[in-house]
């Protein structure tokens, strides 16, 4: 059960429309390393997670990712609202416009639709958390790329906030990995798992 506060996690107030920038930003909505993937990944992984502390971390971060894709959608909306047909054609936004008008639809910057095959839920604690740590770094890299090409300070400000949260999430998943290792026999888990390997621990 979630309580919804009718405000963004961080304010978005973009004054100048720019559909070219919107085409970049939308990748963090529905792209392979975007916020929808992150939220669905973490909120799905938590069910098979055997450790309540780690389940709580997955729930916390998965919930925050919902707030992040709300921010990304708001950025894209503010960059494209009230575009004229001439601006749409001149900016190269026409392909998107023909399919979605000025609605917000999950896709990558290259136009590829969101696909749940882009993230994994394996049901193994180590595997899932390692996937999550990698996902946060990939999202951080995407935000780095956006910051390299975007110059509008109204866009840069919330993107910097989102980038900083990816770093925090990576650190929290590092904490989750340590919690898992404390529950497992971390001295032999990677080299030898007694559940599957014969003569585990013998020389």
C-alpha atoms as a PDB file:
ATOM      1  CA  UNK A   1       0.000   0.000   0.000  1.00  0.00           C
ATOM      2  CA  UNK A   2       1.383   3.415  -0.970  1.00  0.00           C
ATOM      3  CA  UNK A   3       0.372   6.919   0.007  1.00  0.00           C
ATOM      4  CA  UNK A   4       0.620   9.305  -2.930  1.00  0.00           C
ATOM      5  CA  UNK A   5       1.748  12.868  -2.286  1.00  0.00           C
ATOM      6  CA  UNK A   6       0.636  15.178  -5.087  1.00  0.00           C
ATOM      7  CA  UNK A   7       4.042  16.736  -5.637  1.00  0.00           C
ATOM      8  CA  UNK A   8       7.262  15.745  -7.355  1.00  0.00           C
ATOM      9  CA  UNK A   9      10.137  14.417  -5.285  1.00  0.00           C
ATOM     10  CA  UNK A  10      12.214  17.282  -6.701  1.00  0.00           C
ATOM     11  CA  UNK A  11      10.766  20.322  -8.524  1.00  0.00           C
ATOM     12  CA  UNK A  12      10.793  20.530 -12.320  1.00  0.00           C
ATOM     13  CA  UNK A  13      10.256  24.013 -13.776  1.00  0.00           C
ATOM     14  CA  UNK A  14      11.393  24.188 -17.400  1.00  0.00           C
ATOM     15  CA  UNK A  15      10.713  27.491 -19.147  1.00  0.00           C
ATOM     16  CA  UNK A  16      11.886  26.786 -22.704  1.00  0.00           C
ATOM     17  CA  UNK A  17      10.454  24.027 -24.869  1.00  0.00           C
ATOM     18  CA  UNK A  18      13.064  21.859 -26.575  1.00  0.00           C
ATOM     19  CA  UNK A  19      11.854  18.657 -28.266  1.00  0.00           C
ATOM     20  CA  UNK A  20      15.396  17.667 -29.238  1.00  0.00           C
ATOM     21  CA  UNK A  21      16.382  17.457 -25.571  1.00  0.00           C
ATOM     22  CA  UNK A  22      13.119  15.626 -24.839  1.00  0.00           C
ATOM     23  CA  UNK A  23      14.201  12.898 -27.271  1.00  0.00           C
ATOM     24  CA  UNK A  24      17.319  12.345 -25.134  1.00  0.00           C
ATOM     25  CA  UNK A  25      15.599  12.562 -21.761  1.00  0.00           C
ATOM     26  CA  UNK A  26      12.824  10.100 -22.612  1.00  0.00           C
ATOM     27  CA  UNK A  27      15.367   7.275 -22.551  1.00  0.00           C
ATOM     28  CA  UNK A  28      15.372   7.535 -18.766  1.00  0.00           C
ATOM     29  CA  UNK A  29      11.619   7.019 -18.830  1.00  0.00           C
ATOM     30  CA  UNK A  30      11.301   3.893 -20.961  1.00  0.00           C
ATOM     31  CA  UNK A  31      14.807   3.070 -22.158  1.00  0.00           C
ATOM     32  CA  UNK A  32      16.843  -0.016 -21.231  1.00  0.00           C
ATOM     33  CA  UNK A  33      18.326   1.641 -18.145  1.00  0.00           C
ATOM     34  CA  UNK A  34      15.374   3.886 -17.358  1.00  0.00           C
ATOM     35  CA  UNK A  35      13.297   4.451 -14.277  1.00  0.00           C
ATOM     36  CA  UNK A  36      10.365   2.199 -15.237  1.00  0.00           C
ATOM     37  CA  UNK A  37      12.749  -0.749 -15.623  1.00  0.00           C
ATOM     38  CA  UNK A  38      14.325   0.047 -12.272  1.00  0.00           C
ATOM     39  CA  UNK A  39      11.034   0.264 -10.404  1.00  0.00           C
ATOM     40  CA  UNK A  40       9.628  -2.955 -11.871  1.00  0.00           C
ATOM     41  CA  UNK A  41      12.924  -4.778 -11.326  1.00  0.00           C
ATOM     42  CA  UNK A  42      13.208  -3.970  -7.626  1.00  0.00           C
ATOM     43  CA  UNK A  43       9.526  -4.268  -6.727  1.00  0.00           C
ATOM     44  CA  UNK A  44       9.410  -7.682  -8.439  1.00  0.00           C
ATOM     45  CA  UNK A  45      12.679  -8.993  -6.962  1.00  0.00           C
ATOM     46  CA  UNK A  46      11.555  -8.357  -3.396  1.00  0.00           C
ATOM     47  CA  UNK A  47       9.063 -11.240  -3.351  1.00  0.00           C
ATOM     48  CA  UNK A  48      11.738 -13.937  -3.636  1.00  0.00           C
ATOM     49  CA  UNK A  49      14.229 -12.116  -1.390  1.00  0.00           C
ATOM     50  CA  UNK A  50      14.580 -14.238   1.776  1.00  0.00           C
ATOM     51  CA  UNK A  51      16.004 -11.464   3.990  1.00  0.00           C
ATOM     52  CA  UNK A  52      13.556  -8.861   5.271  1.00  0.00           C
ATOM     53  CA  UNK A  53      16.143  -6.081   5.519  1.00  0.00           C
ATOM     54  CA  UNK A  54      17.043  -6.495   1.866  1.00  0.00           C
ATOM     55  CA  UNK A  55      13.375  -6.813   0.918  1.00  0.00           C
ATOM     56  CA  UNK A  56      12.867  -3.442   2.614  1.00  0.00           C
ATOM     57  CA  UNK A  57      15.707  -1.874   0.623  1.00  0.00           C
ATOM     58  CA  UNK A  58      14.206  -3.189  -2.632  1.00  0.00           C
ATOM     59  CA  UNK A  59      10.791  -1.787  -1.667  1.00  0.00           C
ATOM     60  CA  UNK A  60      12.213   1.610  -0.683  1.00  0.00           C
ATOM     61  CA  UNK A  61      14.269   2.047  -3.839  1.00  0.00           C
ATOM     62  CA  UNK A  62      11.609   0.578  -6.139  1.00  0.00           C
ATOM     63  CA  UNK A  63       9.104   3.046  -4.718  1.00  0.00           C
ATOM     64  CA  UNK A  64      11.477   5.975  -5.157  1.00  0.00           C
ATOM     65  CA  UNK A  65      12.036   4.955  -8.789  1.00  0.00           C
ATOM     66  CA  UNK A  66       8.297   5.540  -9.343  1.00  0.00           C
ATOM     67  CA  UNK A  67       8.865   9.109  -8.211  1.00  0.00           C
ATOM     68  CA  UNK A  68      11.771   9.330 -10.638  1.00  0.00           C
ATOM     69  CA  UNK A  69       9.828   8.275 -13.691  1.00  0.00           C
ATOM     70  CA  UNK A  70       7.185  10.817 -12.681  1.00  0.00           C
ATOM     71  CA  UNK A  71       9.940  13.447 -12.739  1.00  0.00           C
ATOM     72  CA  UNK A  72      11.238  12.277 -16.129  1.00  0.00           C
ATOM     73  CA  UNK A  73       7.714  12.331 -17.583  1.00  0.00           C
ATOM     74  CA  UNK A  74       7.277  15.869 -16.273  1.00  0.00           C
ATOM     75  CA  UNK A  75      10.570  16.974 -17.851  1.00  0.00           C
ATOM     76  CA  UNK A  76       9.590  15.518 -21.230  1.00  0.00           C
ATOM     77  CA  UNK A  77       6.111  17.058 -20.983  1.00  0.00           C
ATOM     78  CA  UNK A  78       7.462  20.506 -20.138  1.00  0.00           C
ATOM     79  CA  UNK A  79       9.988  20.311 -22.988  1.00  0.00           C
ATOM     80  CA  UNK A  80       7.297  19.451 -25.555  1.00  0.00           C
ATOM     81  CA  UNK A  81       4.041  21.054 -24.425  1.00  0.00           C
ATOM     82  CA  UNK A  82       2.409  23.464 -26.881  1.00  0.00           C
ATOM     83  CA  UNK A  83       4.706  22.619 -29.783  1.00  0.00           C
ATOM     84  CA  UNK A  84       3.469  23.825 -33.155  1.00  0.00           C
ATOM     85  CA  UNK A  85       3.453  21.504 -36.190  1.00  0.00           C
ATOM     86  CA  UNK A  86       6.326  23.549 -37.645  1.00  0.00           C
ATOM     87  CA  UNK A  87       8.432  23.149 -34.479  1.00  0.00           C
ATOM     88  CA  UNK A  88       7.722  19.434 -34.437  1.00  0.00           C
ATOM     89  CA  UNK A  89       8.914  18.995 -38.026  1.00  0.00           C
ATOM     90  CA  UNK A  90      11.975  21.235 -37.653  1.00  0.00           C
ATOM     91  CA  UNK A  91      13.148  19.548 -34.435  1.00  0.00           C
ATOM     92  CA  UNK A  92      12.970  15.963 -35.689  1.00  0.00           C
ATOM     93  CA  UNK A  93      10.218  15.167 -33.170  1.00  0.00           C
ATOM     94  CA  UNK A  94       7.791  14.191 -35.924  1.00  0.00           C
ATOM     95  CA  UNK A  95       8.316  10.427 -35.703  1.00  0.00           C
ATOM     96  CA  UNK A  96       7.328  10.432 -32.040  1.00  0.00           C
ATOM     97  CA  UNK A  97       4.491  12.917 -32.610  1.00  0.00           C
ATOM     98  CA  UNK A  98       2.844  10.835 -35.333  1.00  0.00           C
ATOM     99  CA  UNK A  99       2.527   7.846 -32.994  1.00  0.00           C
ATOM    100  CA  UNK A 100       1.894   9.563 -29.646  1.00  0.00           C
ATOM    101  CA  UNK A 101       1.040  13.224 -30.327  1.00  0.00           C
ATOM    102  CA  UNK A 102       2.500  14.948 -27.227  1.00  0.00           C
ATOM    103  CA  UNK A 103       1.632  12.159 -24.810  1.00  0.00           C
ATOM    104  CA  UNK A 104       4.324  10.537 -22.697  1.00  0.00           C
ATOM    105  CA  UNK A 105       5.105   7.002 -23.865  1.00  0.00           C
ATOM    106  CA  UNK A 106       7.941   4.764 -22.638  1.00  0.00           C
ATOM    107  CA  UNK A 107      10.699   4.383 -25.188  1.00  0.00           C
ATOM    108  CA  UNK A 108      14.460   4.703 -25.510  1.00  0.00           C
ATOM    109  CA  UNK A 109      16.164   7.682 -27.125  1.00  0.00           C
ATOM    110  CA  UNK A 110      16.546   5.590 -30.282  1.00  0.00           C
ATOM    111  CA  UNK A 111      12.782   5.034 -30.449  1.00  0.00           C
ATOM    112  CA  UNK A 112      12.782   1.419 -29.211  1.00  0.00           C
ATOM    113  CA  UNK A 113       9.681   0.753 -27.038  1.00  0.00           C
ATOM    114  CA  UNK A 114      10.005  -0.222 -23.396  1.00  0.00           C
ATOM    115  CA  UNK A 115      10.466  -3.960 -23.015  1.00  0.00           C
ATOM    116  CA  UNK A 116      10.478  -5.947 -19.762  1.00  0.00           C
ATOM    117  CA  UNK A 117      13.121  -8.232 -21.306  1.00  0.00           C
ATOM    118  CA  UNK A 118      15.608  -5.437 -20.595  1.00  0.00           C
ATOM    119  CA  UNK A 119      15.766  -6.295 -16.895  1.00  0.00           C
ATOM    120  CA  UNK A 120      16.036  -9.487 -14.902  1.00  0.00           C
ATOM    121  CA  UNK A 121      14.367 -11.039 -11.874  1.00  0.00           C
ATOM    122  CA  UNK A 122      16.248 -14.249 -11.124  1.00  0.00           C
ATOM    123  CA  UNK A 123      15.085 -15.135  -7.621  1.00  0.00           C
ATOM    124  CA  UNK A 124      18.665 -15.626  -6.390  1.00  0.00           C
ATOM    125  CA  UNK A 125      19.704 -13.022  -3.780  1.00  0.00           C
ATOM    126  CA  UNK A 126      23.280 -12.483  -4.999  1.00  0.00           C
ATOM    127  CA  UNK A 127      22.331 -12.514  -8.684  1.00  0.00           C
ATOM    128  CA  UNK A 128      19.504 -10.015  -8.238  1.00  0.00           C
ATOM    129  CA  UNK A 129      21.471  -7.562  -6.098  1.00  0.00           C
ATOM    130  CA  UNK A 130      24.445  -7.656  -8.462  1.00  0.00           C
ATOM    131  CA  UNK A 131      22.024  -6.890 -11.305  1.00  0.00           C
ATOM    132  CA  UNK A 132      20.675  -3.976  -9.266  1.00  0.00           C
ATOM    133  CA  UNK A 133      24.106  -2.512  -8.590  1.00  0.00           C
ATOM    134  CA  UNK A 134      24.916  -2.702 -12.299  1.00  0.00           C
ATOM    135  CA  UNK A 135      21.548  -1.131 -13.161  1.00  0.00           C
ATOM    136  CA  UNK A 136      22.226   1.867 -10.926  1.00  0.00           C
ATOM    137  CA  UNK A 137      25.621   2.408 -12.543  1.00  0.00           C
ATOM    138  CA  UNK A 138      24.109   2.168 -16.042  1.00  0.00           C
ATOM    139  CA  UNK A 139      21.443   4.715 -15.091  1.00  0.00           C
ATOM    140  CA  UNK A 140      24.135   6.979 -13.636  1.00  0.00           C
ATOM    141  CA  UNK A 141      26.104   6.679 -16.898  1.00  0.00           C
ATOM    142  CA  UNK A 142      23.002   7.622 -18.896  1.00  0.00           C
ATOM    143  CA  UNK A 143      22.491  10.702 -16.728  1.00  0.00           C
ATOM    144  CA  UNK A 144      26.170  11.557 -17.238  1.00  0.00           C
ATOM    145  CA  UNK A 145      25.596  11.379 -21.002  1.00  0.00           C
ATOM    146  CA  UNK A 146      22.524  13.607 -20.744  1.00  0.00           C
ATOM    147  CA  UNK A 147      24.476  16.174 -18.711  1.00  0.00           C
ATOM    148  CA  UNK A 148      27.191  16.224 -21.386  1.00  0.00           C
ATOM    149  CA  UNK A 149      24.773  17.242 -24.147  1.00  0.00           C
ATOM    150  CA  UNK A 150      22.155  19.353 -22.339  1.00  0.00           C
ATOM    151  CA  UNK A 151      22.888  23.007 -21.563  1.00  0.00           C
ATOM    152  CA  UNK A 152      19.537  24.276 -20.237  1.00  0.00           C
ATOM    153  CA  UNK A 153      20.008  24.872 -16.458  1.00  0.00           C
ATOM    154  CA  UNK A 154      16.295  24.178 -15.842  1.00  0.00           C
ATOM    155  CA  UNK A 155      16.816  20.656 -17.212  1.00  0.00           C
ATOM    156  CA  UNK A 156      20.263  20.123 -15.719  1.00  0.00           C
ATOM    157  CA  UNK A 157      19.077  20.820 -12.163  1.00  0.00           C
ATOM    158  CA  UNK A 158      16.597  17.902 -11.793  1.00  0.00           C
ATOM    159  CA  UNK A 159      18.844  15.612 -13.861  1.00  0.00           C
ATOM    160  CA  UNK A 160      21.700  16.229 -11.406  1.00  0.00           C
ATOM    161  CA  UNK A 161      19.342  15.350  -8.554  1.00  0.00           C
ATOM    162  CA  UNK A 162      18.364  12.096 -10.271  1.00  0.00           C
ATOM    163  CA  UNK A 163      22.003  11.238 -10.975  1.00  0.00           C
ATOM    164  CA  UNK A 164      22.873  11.750  -7.300  1.00  0.00           C
ATOM    165  CA  UNK A 165      20.077   9.379  -6.275  1.00  0.00           C
ATOM    166  CA  UNK A 166      21.496   6.658  -8.548  1.00  0.00           C
ATOM    167  CA  UNK A 167      24.765   6.915  -6.635  1.00  0.00           C
ATOM    168  CA  UNK A 168      22.910   6.589  -3.312  1.00  0.00           C
ATOM    169  CA  UNK A 169      20.958   3.585  -4.599  1.00  0.00           C
ATOM    170  CA  UNK A 170      24.183   1.900  -5.707  1.00  0.00           C
ATOM    171  CA  UNK A 171      25.557   2.361  -2.189  1.00  0.00           C
ATOM    172  CA  UNK A 172      22.373   0.981  -0.616  1.00  0.00           C
ATOM    173  CA  UNK A 173      22.502  -2.088  -2.828  1.00  0.00           C
ATOM    174  CA  UNK A 174      26.131  -2.529  -1.744  1.00  0.00           C
ATOM    175  CA  UNK A 175      24.810  -2.570   1.825  1.00  0.00           C
ATOM    176  CA  UNK A 176      22.184  -5.137   0.767  1.00  0.00           C
ATOM    177  CA  UNK A 177      24.910  -7.353  -0.709  1.00  0.00           C
ATOM    178  CA  UNK A 178      26.810  -7.268   2.585  1.00  0.00           C
ATOM    179  CA  UNK A 179      23.637  -8.251   4.468  1.00  0.00           C
ATOM    180  CA  UNK A 180      23.129 -11.213   2.131  1.00  0.00           C
ATOM    181  CA  UNK A 181      26.741 -12.311   2.529  1.00  0.00           C
ATOM    182  CA  UNK A 182      26.380 -12.239   6.302  1.00  0.00           C
ATOM    183  CA  UNK A 183      23.475 -14.679   6.032  1.00  0.00           C
ATOM    184  CA  UNK A 184      25.383 -16.934   3.641  1.00  0.00           C
ATOM    185  CA  UNK A 185      28.744 -18.539   4.251  1.00  0.00           C
ATOM    186  CA  UNK A 186      30.584 -15.825   2.349  1.00  0.00           C
ATOM    187  CA  UNK A 187      33.890 -17.670   2.768  1.00  0.00           C
ATOM    188  CA  UNK A 188      32.827 -20.478   0.489  1.00  0.00           C
ATOM    189  CA  UNK A 189      29.647 -19.350  -1.298  1.00  0.00           C
ATOM    190  CA  UNK A 190      31.268 -18.209  -4.548  1.00  0.00           C
ATOM    191  CA  UNK A 191      33.811 -21.013  -4.828  1.00  0.00           C
ATOM    192  CA  UNK A 192      31.689 -23.824  -3.450  1.00  0.00           C
ATOM    193  CA  UNK A 193      27.992 -24.030  -2.679  1.00  0.00           C
ATOM    194  CA  UNK A 194      27.223 -27.110  -0.556  1.00  0.00           C
ATOM    195  CA  UNK A 195      23.727 -27.340  -2.013  1.00  0.00           C
ATOM    196  CA  UNK A 196      25.121 -28.176  -5.458  1.00  0.00           C
ATOM    197  CA  UNK A 197      28.799 -29.108  -5.198  1.00  0.00           C
ATOM    198  CA  UNK A 198      30.160 -32.475  -4.058  1.00  0.00           C
ATOM    199  CA  UNK A 199      32.993 -32.545  -1.478  1.00  0.00           C
ATOM    200  CA  UNK A 200      32.434 -28.913  -0.627  1.00  0.00           C
ATOM    201  CA  UNK A 201      35.209 -27.496   1.507  1.00  0.00           C
ATOM    202  CA  UNK A 202      37.565 -30.425   1.012  1.00  0.00           C
ATOM    203  CA  UNK A 203      41.047 -30.062  -0.469  1.00  0.00           C
END
